[in-house]
Amino acid sequence: MVKSARNVSFAELGENPSQVARRVRGSKGPIVVTERGRAQAVLMSVETFERGEREREILRELARGEREIASGVGFSLEKVLADADKILARRRK
């Protein structure tokens, strides 16, 4: 694996955890932790993690809707929009 700003070795993490933490917080995406040049783990800021969780929640809801449509089950537009508003309101917090 090529060393890049998106990678950090376990050795570097152990030697300077504060600096690595700053890099993680400043990053918009995950940073790969490597050992002997091989990816072993991923670090990400809480903000990045929470954004990903919100996106996965929306995708789960879309997938559920697809399954419901396929099975002939459905909800009113008002209910769907109310649920979407709740998700978006949590996102704004």
PDB file of N, CA and C in Angstrom:
ATOM      1  N   MET A   1       0.848  -1.178   0.000  1.00  0.00           N
ATOM      2  CA  MET A   1       0.000   0.000   0.000  1.00  0.00           C
ATOM      3  C   MET A   1       0.892   1.239   0.000  1.00  0.00           C
ATOM      4  N   VAL A   2       0.583   2.199  -0.815  1.00  0.00           N
ATOM      5  CA  VAL A   2       1.355   3.426  -0.931  1.00  0.00           C
ATOM      6  C   VAL A   2       1.019   4.353   0.227  1.00  0.00           C
ATOM      7  N   LYS A   3       2.043   4.961   0.818  1.00  0.00           N
ATOM      8  CA  LYS A   3       1.813   5.912   1.909  1.00  0.00           C
ATOM      9  C   LYS A   3       1.182   7.176   1.335  1.00  0.00           C
ATOM     10  N   SER A   4       0.115   7.610   1.962  1.00  0.00           N
ATOM     11  CA  SER A   4      -0.554   8.836   1.521  1.00  0.00           C
ATOM     12  C   SER A   4      -1.141   9.543   2.733  1.00  0.00           C
ATOM     13  N   ALA A   5      -1.730  10.702   2.493  1.00  0.00           N
ATOM     14  CA  ALA A   5      -2.370  11.453   3.574  1.00  0.00           C
ATOM     15  C   ALA A   5      -3.560  10.687   4.139  1.00  0.00           C
ATOM     16  N   ARG A   6      -4.053   9.715   3.393  1.00  0.00           N
ATOM     17  CA  ARG A   6      -5.194   8.915   3.827  1.00  0.00           C
ATOM     18  C   ARG A   6      -4.771   7.665   4.596  1.00  0.00           C
ATOM     19  N   ASN A   7      -3.468   7.474   4.789  1.00  0.00           N
ATOM     20  CA  ASN A   7      -2.954   6.308   5.494  1.00  0.00           C
ATOM     21  C   ASN A   7      -2.149   6.748   6.704  1.00  0.00           C
ATOM     22  N   VAL A   8      -2.129   5.906   7.722  1.00  0.00           N
ATOM     23  CA  VAL A   8      -1.273   6.110   8.884  1.00  0.00           C
ATOM     24  C   VAL A   8      -0.863   4.720   9.372  1.00  0.00           C
ATOM     25  N   SER A   9       0.391   4.574   9.738  1.00  0.00           N
ATOM     26  CA  SER A   9       0.855   3.275  10.232  1.00  0.00           C
ATOM     27  C   SER A   9       0.545   3.165  11.723  1.00  0.00           C
ATOM     28  N   PHE A  10       0.472   1.915  12.211  1.00  0.00           N
ATOM     29  CA  PHE A  10       0.297   1.713  13.643  1.00  0.00           C
ATOM     30  C   PHE A  10       1.454   2.345  14.406  1.00  0.00           C
ATOM     31  N   ALA A  11       2.659   2.272  13.831  1.00  0.00           N
ATOM     32  CA  ALA A  11       3.825   2.868  14.488  1.00  0.00           C
ATOM     33  C   ALA A  11       3.631   4.377  14.652  1.00  0.00           C
ATOM     34  N   GLU A  12       3.213   5.046  13.576  1.00  0.00           N
ATOM     35  CA  GLU A  12       2.977   6.492  13.647  1.00  0.00           C
ATOM     36  C   GLU A  12       1.863   6.813  14.634  1.00  0.00           C
ATOM     37  N   LEU A  13       0.828   5.996  14.637  1.00  0.00           N
ATOM     38  CA  LEU A  13      -0.289   6.190  15.566  1.00  0.00           C
ATOM     39  C   LEU A  13       0.203   6.089  17.007  1.00  0.00           C
ATOM     40  N   GLY A  14       1.066   5.118  17.276  1.00  0.00           N
ATOM     41  CA  GLY A  14       1.609   4.949  18.620  1.00  0.00           C
ATOM     42  C   GLY A  14       2.573   6.046  19.027  1.00  0.00           C
ATOM     43  N   GLU A  15       3.346   6.549  18.057  1.00  0.00           N
ATOM     44  CA  GLU A  15       4.352   7.570  18.342  1.00  0.00           C
ATOM     45  C   GLU A  15       3.738   8.954  18.547  1.00  0.00           C
ATOM     46  N   ASN A  16       2.699   9.265  17.795  1.00  0.00           N
ATOM     47  CA  ASN A  16       2.131  10.608  17.860  1.00  0.00           C
ATOM     48  C   ASN A  16       0.604  10.571  17.713  1.00  0.00           C
ATOM     49  N   PRO A  17      -0.088  10.030  18.702  1.00  0.00           N
ATOM     50  CA  PRO A  17      -1.542   9.907  18.590  1.00  0.00           C
ATOM     51  C   PRO A  17      -2.267  11.251  18.460  1.00  0.00           C
ATOM     52  N   SER A  18      -1.749  12.307  19.088  1.00  0.00           N
ATOM     53  CA  SER A  18      -2.401  13.622  18.996  1.00  0.00           C
ATOM     54  C   SER A  18      -2.393  14.151  17.568  1.00  0.00           C
ATOM     55  N   GLN A  19      -1.258  14.009  16.905  1.00  0.00           N
ATOM     56  CA  GLN A  19      -1.156  14.475  15.522  1.00  0.00           C
ATOM     57  C   GLN A  19      -2.077  13.659  14.607  1.00  0.00           C
ATOM     58  N   VAL A  20      -2.121  12.357  14.814  1.00  0.00           N
ATOM     59  CA  VAL A  20      -3.008  11.510  14.011  1.00  0.00           C
ATOM     60  C   VAL A  20      -4.463  11.898  14.268  1.00  0.00           C
ATOM     61  N   ALA A  21      -4.807  12.154  15.525  1.00  0.00           N
ATOM     62  CA  ALA A  21      -6.180  12.561  15.850  1.00  0.00           C
ATOM     63  C   ALA A  21      -6.550  13.858  15.135  1.00  0.00           C
ATOM     64  N   ARG A  22      -5.605  14.803  15.064  1.00  0.00           N
ATOM     65  CA  ARG A  22      -5.871  16.059  14.331  1.00  0.00           C
ATOM     66  C   ARG A  22      -6.110  15.775  12.847  1.00  0.00           C
ATOM     67  N   ARG A  23      -5.307  14.882  12.274  1.00  0.00           N
ATOM     68  CA  ARG A  23      -5.495  14.515  10.853  1.00  0.00           C
ATOM     69  C   ARG A  23      -6.859  13.890  10.632  1.00  0.00           C
ATOM     70  N   VAL A  24      -7.264  13.043  11.556  1.00  0.00           N
ATOM     71  CA  VAL A  24      -8.562  12.371  11.435  1.00  0.00           C
ATOM     72  C   VAL A  24      -9.683  13.403  11.500  1.00  0.00           C
ATOM     73  N   ARG A  25      -9.610  14.294  12.478  1.00  0.00           N
ATOM     74  CA  ARG A  25     -10.658  15.322  12.616  1.00  0.00           C
ATOM     75  C   ARG A  25     -10.710  16.236  11.399  1.00  0.00           C
ATOM     76  N   GLY A  26      -9.566  16.524  10.788  1.00  0.00           N
ATOM     77  CA  GLY A  26      -9.513  17.408   9.630  1.00  0.00           C
ATOM     78  C   GLY A  26      -9.864  16.733   8.323  1.00  0.00           C
ATOM     79  N   SER A  27      -9.952  15.431   8.343  1.00  0.00           N
ATOM     80  CA  SER A  27     -10.224  14.672   7.122  1.00  0.00           C
ATOM     81  C   SER A  27     -11.722  14.594   6.863  1.00  0.00           C
ATOM     82  N   LYS A  28     -12.106  14.626   5.609  1.00  0.00           N
ATOM     83  CA  LYS A  28     -13.518  14.484   5.241  1.00  0.00           C
ATOM     84  C   LYS A  28     -13.915  13.026   5.068  1.00  0.00           C
ATOM     85  N   GLY A  29     -12.940  12.143   5.138  1.00  0.00           N
ATOM     86  CA  GLY A  29     -13.212  10.725   4.955  1.00  0.00           C
ATOM     87  C   GLY A  29     -12.374   9.897   5.899  1.00  0.00           C
ATOM     88  N   PRO A  30     -12.406   8.601   5.747  1.00  0.00           N
ATOM     89  CA  PRO A  30     -11.654   7.721   6.631  1.00  0.00           C
ATOM     90  C   PRO A  30     -10.155   7.746   6.349  1.00  0.00           C
ATOM     91  N   ILE A  31      -9.386   7.401   7.366  1.00  0.00           N
ATOM     92  CA  ILE A  31      -7.948   7.232   7.247  1.00  0.00           C
ATOM     93  C   ILE A  31      -7.649   5.767   7.544  1.00  0.00           C
ATOM     94  N   VAL A  32      -6.903   5.135   6.661  1.00  0.00           N
ATOM     95  CA  VAL A  32      -6.597   3.714   6.789  1.00  0.00           C
ATOM     96  C   VAL A  32      -5.370   3.536   7.668  1.00  0.00           C
ATOM     97  N   VAL A  33      -5.493   2.682   8.672  1.00  0.00           N
ATOM     98  CA  VAL A  33      -4.372   2.352   9.546  1.00  0.00           C
ATOM     99  C   VAL A  33      -3.707   1.107   8.965  1.00  0.00           C
ATOM    100  N   THR A  34      -2.394   1.215   8.761  1.00  0.00           N
ATOM    101  CA  THR A  34      -1.672   0.115   8.130  1.00  0.00           C
ATOM    102  C   THR A  34      -0.681  -0.520   9.095  1.00  0.00           C
ATOM    103  N   GLU A  35      -0.389  -1.770   8.825  1.00  0.00           N
ATOM    104  CA  GLU A  35       0.647  -2.495   9.543  1.00  0.00           C
ATOM    105  C   GLU A  35       1.465  -3.238   8.499  1.00  0.00           C
ATOM    106  N   ARG A  36       2.741  -2.923   8.451  1.00  0.00           N
ATOM    107  CA  ARG A  36       3.632  -3.491   7.438  1.00  0.00           C
ATOM    108  C   ARG A  36       3.094  -3.249   6.021  1.00  0.00           C
ATOM    109  N   GLY A  37       2.524  -2.068   5.826  1.00  0.00           N
ATOM    110  CA  GLY A  37       2.045  -1.683   4.506  1.00  0.00           C
ATOM    111  C   GLY A  37       0.684  -2.228   4.118  1.00  0.00           C
ATOM    112  N   ARG A  38       0.045  -2.950   5.016  1.00  0.00           N
ATOM    113  CA  ARG A  38      -1.265  -3.536   4.698  1.00  0.00           C
ATOM    114  C   ARG A  38      -2.364  -2.897   5.548  1.00  0.00           C
ATOM    115  N   ALA A  39      -3.479  -2.625   4.929  1.00  0.00           N
ATOM    116  CA  ALA A  39      -4.609  -2.024   5.628  1.00  0.00           C
ATOM    117  C   ALA A  39      -5.107  -2.965   6.720  1.00  0.00           C
ATOM    118  N   GLN A  40      -5.298  -2.413   7.918  1.00  0.00           N
ATOM    119  CA  GLN A  40      -5.751  -3.203   9.056  1.00  0.00           C
ATOM    120  C   GLN A  40      -6.997  -2.635   9.729  1.00  0.00           C
ATOM    121  N   ALA A  41      -7.161  -1.325   9.671  1.00  0.00           N
ATOM    122  CA  ALA A  41      -8.274  -0.674  10.367  1.00  0.00           C
ATOM    123  C   ALA A  41      -8.552   0.668   9.703  1.00  0.00           C
ATOM    124  N   VAL A  42      -9.645   1.289  10.138  1.00  0.00           N
ATOM    125  CA  VAL A  42     -10.025   2.591   9.592  1.00  0.00           C
ATOM    126  C   VAL A  42     -10.351   3.523  10.753  1.00  0.00           C
ATOM    127  N   LEU A  43      -9.846   4.744  10.665  1.00  0.00           N
ATOM    128  CA  LEU A  43     -10.175   5.803  11.624  1.00  0.00           C
ATOM    129  C   LEU A  43     -10.970   6.866  10.887  1.00  0.00           C
ATOM    130  N   MET A  44     -11.957   7.423  11.574  1.00  0.00           N
ATOM    131  CA  MET A  44     -12.700   8.538  10.981  1.00  0.00           C
ATOM    132  C   MET A  44     -13.196   9.447  12.093  1.00  0.00           C
ATOM    133  N   SER A  45     -13.446  10.687  11.723  1.00  0.00           N
ATOM    134  CA  SER A  45     -13.951  11.644  12.702  1.00  0.00           C
ATOM    135  C   SER A  45     -15.379  11.262  13.078  1.00  0.00           C
ATOM    136  N   VAL A  46     -15.796  11.732  14.220  1.00  0.00           N
ATOM    137  CA  VAL A  46     -17.174  11.489  14.663  1.00  0.00           C
ATOM    138  C   VAL A  46     -18.144  12.094  13.651  1.00  0.00           C
ATOM    139  N   GLU A  47     -17.814  13.264  13.129  1.00  0.00           N
ATOM    140  CA  GLU A  47     -18.673  13.916  12.136  1.00  0.00           C
ATOM    141  C   GLU A  47     -18.842  13.035  10.894  1.00  0.00           C
ATOM    142  N   THR A  48     -17.746  12.480  10.407  1.00  0.00           N
ATOM    143  CA  THR A  48     -17.806  11.602   9.236  1.00  0.00           C
ATOM    144  C   THR A  48     -18.615  10.344   9.542  1.00  0.00           C
ATOM    145  N   PHE A  49     -18.400   9.775  10.726  1.00  0.00           N
ATOM    146  CA  PHE A  49     -19.142   8.585  11.129  1.00  0.00           C
ATOM    147  C   PHE A  49     -20.639   8.871  11.196  1.00  0.00           C
ATOM    148  N   GLU A  50     -21.016   9.976  11.850  1.00  0.00           N
ATOM    149  CA  GLU A  50     -22.438  10.318  11.995  1.00  0.00           C
ATOM    150  C   GLU A  50     -23.079  10.589  10.637  1.00  0.00           C
ATOM    151  N   ARG A  51     -22.357  11.260   9.737  1.00  0.00           N
ATOM    152  CA  ARG A  51     -22.883  11.511   8.397  1.00  0.00           C
ATOM    153  C   ARG A  51     -23.131  10.192   7.687  1.00  0.00           C
ATOM    154  N   GLY A  52     -22.205   9.279   7.794  1.00  0.00           N
ATOM    155  CA  GLY A  52     -22.373   7.962   7.176  1.00  0.00           C
ATOM    156  C   GLY A  52     -23.550   7.201   7.755  1.00  0.00           C
ATOM    157  N   GLU A  53     -23.733   7.302   9.060  1.00  0.00           N
ATOM    158  CA  GLU A  53     -24.876   6.634   9.697  1.00  0.00           C
ATOM    159  C   GLU A  53     -26.199   7.204   9.193  1.00  0.00           C
ATOM    160  N   ARG A  54     -26.264   8.524   9.056  1.00  0.00           N
ATOM    161  CA  ARG A  54     -27.495   9.149   8.528  1.00  0.00           C
ATOM    162  C   ARG A  54     -27.750   8.694   7.095  1.00  0.00           C
ATOM    163  N   GLU A  55     -26.699   8.651   6.291  1.00  0.00           N
ATOM    164  CA  GLU A  55     -26.857   8.217   4.901  1.00  0.00           C
ATOM    165  C   GLU A  55     -27.314   6.762   4.828  1.00  0.00           C
ATOM    166  N   ARG A  56     -26.740   5.913   5.681  1.00  0.00           N
ATOM    167  CA  ARG A  56     -27.164   4.497   5.703  1.00  0.00           C
ATOM    168  C   ARG A  56     -28.611   4.370   6.161  1.00  0.00           C
ATOM    169  N   GLU A  57     -29.031   5.195   7.104  1.00  0.00           N
ATOM    170  CA  GLU A  57     -30.426   5.164   7.569  1.00  0.00           C
ATOM    171  C   GLU A  57     -31.379   5.505   6.421  1.00  0.00           C
ATOM    172  N   ILE A  58     -31.035   6.517   5.663  1.00  0.00           N
ATOM    173  CA  ILE A  58     -31.866   6.897   4.516  1.00  0.00           C
ATOM    174  C   ILE A  58     -31.899   5.770   3.487  1.00  0.00           C
ATOM    175  N   LEU A  59     -30.752   5.162   3.221  1.00  0.00           N
ATOM    176  CA  LEU A  59     -30.707   4.051   2.266  1.00  0.00           C
ATOM    177  C   LEU A  59     -31.533   2.858   2.756  1.00  0.00           C
ATOM    178  N   ARG A  60     -31.482   2.579   4.062  1.00  0.00           N
ATOM    179  CA  ARG A  60     -32.303   1.482   4.611  1.00  0.00           C
ATOM    180  C   ARG A  60     -33.784   1.768   4.398  1.00  0.00           C
ATOM    181  N   GLU A  61     -34.172   3.020   4.613  1.00  0.00           N
ATOM    182  CA  GLU A  61     -35.583   3.397   4.419  1.00  0.00           C
ATOM    183  C   GLU A  61     -35.984   3.268   2.946  1.00  0.00           C
ATOM    184  N   LEU A  62     -35.111   3.668   2.051  1.00  0.00           N
ATOM    185  CA  LEU A  62     -35.398   3.520   0.622  1.00  0.00           C
ATOM    186  C   LEU A  62     -35.524   2.048   0.241  1.00  0.00           C
ATOM    187  N   ALA A  63     -34.636   1.226   0.772  1.00  0.00           N
ATOM    188  CA  ALA A  63     -34.700  -0.217   0.492  1.00  0.00           C
ATOM    189  C   ALA A  63     -35.985  -0.812   1.048  1.00  0.00           C
ATOM    190  N   ARG A  64     -36.368  -0.374   2.239  1.00  0.00           N
ATOM    191  CA  ARG A  64     -37.627  -0.854   2.822  1.00  0.00           C
ATOM    192  C   ARG A  64     -38.798  -0.463   1.926  1.00  0.00           C
ATOM    193  N   GLY A  65     -38.784   0.759   1.434  1.00  0.00           N
ATOM    194  CA  GLY A  65     -39.842   1.217   0.537  1.00  0.00           C
ATOM    195  C   GLY A  65     -39.908   0.384  -0.731  1.00  0.00           C
ATOM    196  N   GLU A  66     -38.748   0.066  -1.283  1.00  0.00           N
ATOM    197  CA  GLU A  66     -38.715  -0.782  -2.489  1.00  0.00           C
ATOM    198  C   GLU A  66     -39.336  -2.152  -2.206  1.00  0.00           C
ATOM    199  N   ARG A  67     -38.994  -2.729  -1.047  1.00  0.00           N
ATOM    200  CA  ARG A  67     -39.566  -4.037  -0.685  1.00  0.00           C
ATOM    201  C   ARG A  67     -41.074  -3.941  -0.500  1.00  0.00           C
ATOM    202  N   GLU A  68     -41.523  -2.865   0.128  1.00  0.00           N
ATOM    203  CA  GLU A  68     -42.958  -2.685   0.356  1.00  0.00           C
ATOM    204  C   GLU A  68     -43.703  -2.506  -0.965  1.00  0.00           C
ATOM    205  N   ILE A  69     -43.131  -1.743  -1.857  1.00  0.00           N
ATOM    206  CA  ILE A  69     -43.757  -1.556  -3.172  1.00  0.00           C
ATOM    207  C   ILE A  69     -43.854  -2.896  -3.883  1.00  0.00           C
ATOM    208  N   ALA A  70     -42.774  -3.672  -3.841  1.00  0.00           N
ATOM    209  CA  ALA A  70     -42.757  -4.974  -4.509  1.00  0.00           C
ATOM    210  C   ALA A  70     -43.790  -5.927  -3.918  1.00  0.00           C
ATOM    211  N   SER A  71     -44.059  -5.799  -2.614  1.00  0.00           N
ATOM    212  CA  SER A  71     -45.023  -6.699  -1.978  1.00  0.00           C
ATOM    213  C   SER A  71     -46.442  -6.127  -1.957  1.00  0.00           C
ATOM    214  N   GLY A  72     -46.619  -4.942  -2.519  1.00  0.00           N
ATOM    215  CA  GLY A  72     -47.955  -4.348  -2.584  1.00  0.00           C
ATOM    216  C   GLY A  72     -48.369  -3.601  -1.333  1.00  0.00           C
ATOM    217  N   VAL A  73     -47.439  -3.379  -0.429  1.00  0.00           N
ATOM    218  CA  VAL A  73     -47.726  -2.630   0.799  1.00  0.00           C
ATOM    219  C   VAL A  73     -47.263  -1.199   0.579  1.00  0.00           C
ATOM    220  N   GLY A  74     -47.965  -0.262   1.155  1.00  0.00           N
ATOM    221  CA  GLY A  74     -47.547   1.116   0.972  1.00  0.00           C
ATOM    222  C   GLY A  74     -48.053   2.021   2.062  1.00  0.00           C
ATOM    223  N   PHE A  75     -47.591   3.246   2.037  1.00  0.00           N
ATOM    224  CA  PHE A  75     -47.988   4.261   2.994  1.00  0.00           C
ATOM    225  C   PHE A  75     -48.426   5.500   2.237  1.00  0.00           C
ATOM    226  N   SER A  76     -49.185   6.328   2.899  1.00  0.00           N
ATOM    227  CA  SER A  76     -49.618   7.567   2.260  1.00  0.00           C
ATOM    228  C   SER A  76     -48.420   8.492   2.075  1.00  0.00           C
ATOM    229  N   LEU A  77     -48.534   9.377   1.135  1.00  0.00           N
ATOM    230  CA  LEU A  77     -47.478  10.351   0.888  1.00  0.00           C
ATOM    231  C   LEU A  77     -47.225  11.185   2.141  1.00  0.00           C
ATOM    232  N   GLU A  78     -48.290  11.526   2.857  1.00  0.00           N
ATOM    233  CA  GLU A  78     -48.154  12.334   4.066  1.00  0.00           C
ATOM    234  C   GLU A  78     -47.287  11.623   5.109  1.00  0.00           C
ATOM    235  N   LYS A  79     -47.488  10.319   5.282  1.00  0.00           N
ATOM    236  CA  LYS A  79     -46.698   9.541   6.247  1.00  0.00           C
ATOM    237  C   LYS A  79     -45.234   9.493   5.817  1.00  0.00           C
ATOM    238  N   VAL A  80     -45.002   9.248   4.547  1.00  0.00           N
ATOM    239  CA  VAL A  80     -43.631   9.181   4.037  1.00  0.00           C
ATOM    240  C   VAL A  80     -42.925  10.519   4.247  1.00  0.00           C
ATOM    241  N   LEU A  81     -43.591  11.612   3.922  1.00  0.00           N
ATOM    242  CA  LEU A  81     -42.981  12.928   4.085  1.00  0.00           C
ATOM    243  C   LEU A  81     -42.752  13.266   5.548  1.00  0.00           C
ATOM    244  N   ALA A  82     -43.680  12.860   6.423  1.00  0.00           N
ATOM    245  CA  ALA A  82     -43.499  13.096   7.858  1.00  0.00           C
ATOM    246  C   ALA A  82     -42.283  12.334   8.374  1.00  0.00           C
ATOM    247  N   ASP A  83     -42.118  11.075   7.951  1.00  0.00           N
ATOM    248  CA  ASP A  83     -40.952  10.289   8.354  1.00  0.00           C
ATOM    249  C   ASP A  83     -39.666  10.919   7.834  1.00  0.00           C
ATOM    250  N   ALA A  84     -39.682  11.386   6.595  1.00  0.00           N
ATOM    251  CA  ALA A  84     -38.506  12.036   6.016  1.00  0.00           C
ATOM    252  C   ALA A  84     -38.159  13.306   6.786  1.00  0.00           C
ATOM    253  N   ASP A  85     -39.176  14.069   7.178  1.00  0.00           N
ATOM    254  CA  ASP A  85     -38.940  15.284   7.962  1.00  0.00           C
ATOM    255  C   ASP A  85     -38.278  14.968   9.295  1.00  0.00           C
ATOM    256  N   LYS A  86     -38.681  13.865   9.942  1.00  0.00           N
ATOM    257  CA  LYS A  86     -38.067  13.464  11.214  1.00  0.00           C
ATOM    258  C   LYS A  86     -36.585  13.141  11.023  1.00  0.00           C
ATOM    259  N   ILE A  87     -36.280  12.404   9.977  1.00  0.00           N
ATOM    260  CA  ILE A  87     -34.884  12.046   9.700  1.00  0.00           C
ATOM    261  C   ILE A  87     -34.066  13.306   9.439  1.00  0.00           C
ATOM    262  N   LEU A  88     -34.605  14.207   8.622  1.00  0.00           N
ATOM    263  CA  LEU A  88     -33.875  15.435   8.307  1.00  0.00           C
ATOM    264  C   LEU A  88     -33.722  16.337   9.529  1.00  0.00           C
ATOM    265  N   ALA A  89     -34.720  16.349  10.402  1.00  0.00           N
ATOM    266  CA  ALA A  89     -34.630  17.157  11.618  1.00  0.00           C
ATOM    267  C   ALA A  89     -33.513  16.647  12.525  1.00  0.00           C
ATOM    268  N   ARG A  90     -33.358  15.323  12.627  1.00  0.00           N
ATOM    269  CA  ARG A  90     -32.257  14.755  13.416  1.00  0.00           C
ATOM    270  C   ARG A  90     -30.924  15.117  12.807  1.00  0.00           C
ATOM    271  N   ARG A  91     -30.879  15.191  11.492  1.00  0.00           N
ATOM    272  CA  ARG A  91     -29.635  15.527  10.785  1.00  0.00           C
ATOM    273  C   ARG A  91     -29.185  16.937  11.121  1.00  0.00           C
ATOM    274  N   ARG A  92     -30.130  17.831  11.305  1.00  0.00           N
ATOM    275  CA  ARG A  92     -29.803  19.234  11.558  1.00  0.00           C
ATOM    276  C   ARG A  92     -29.283  19.466  12.970  1.00  0.00           C
ATOM    277  N   LYS A  93     -29.497  18.509  13.873  1.00  0.00           N
ATOM    278  CA  LYS A  93     -29.077  18.675  15.278  1.00  0.00           C
ATOM    279  C   LYS A  93     -27.594  18.586  15.433  1.00  0.00           C
TER     280      LYS A  93
END
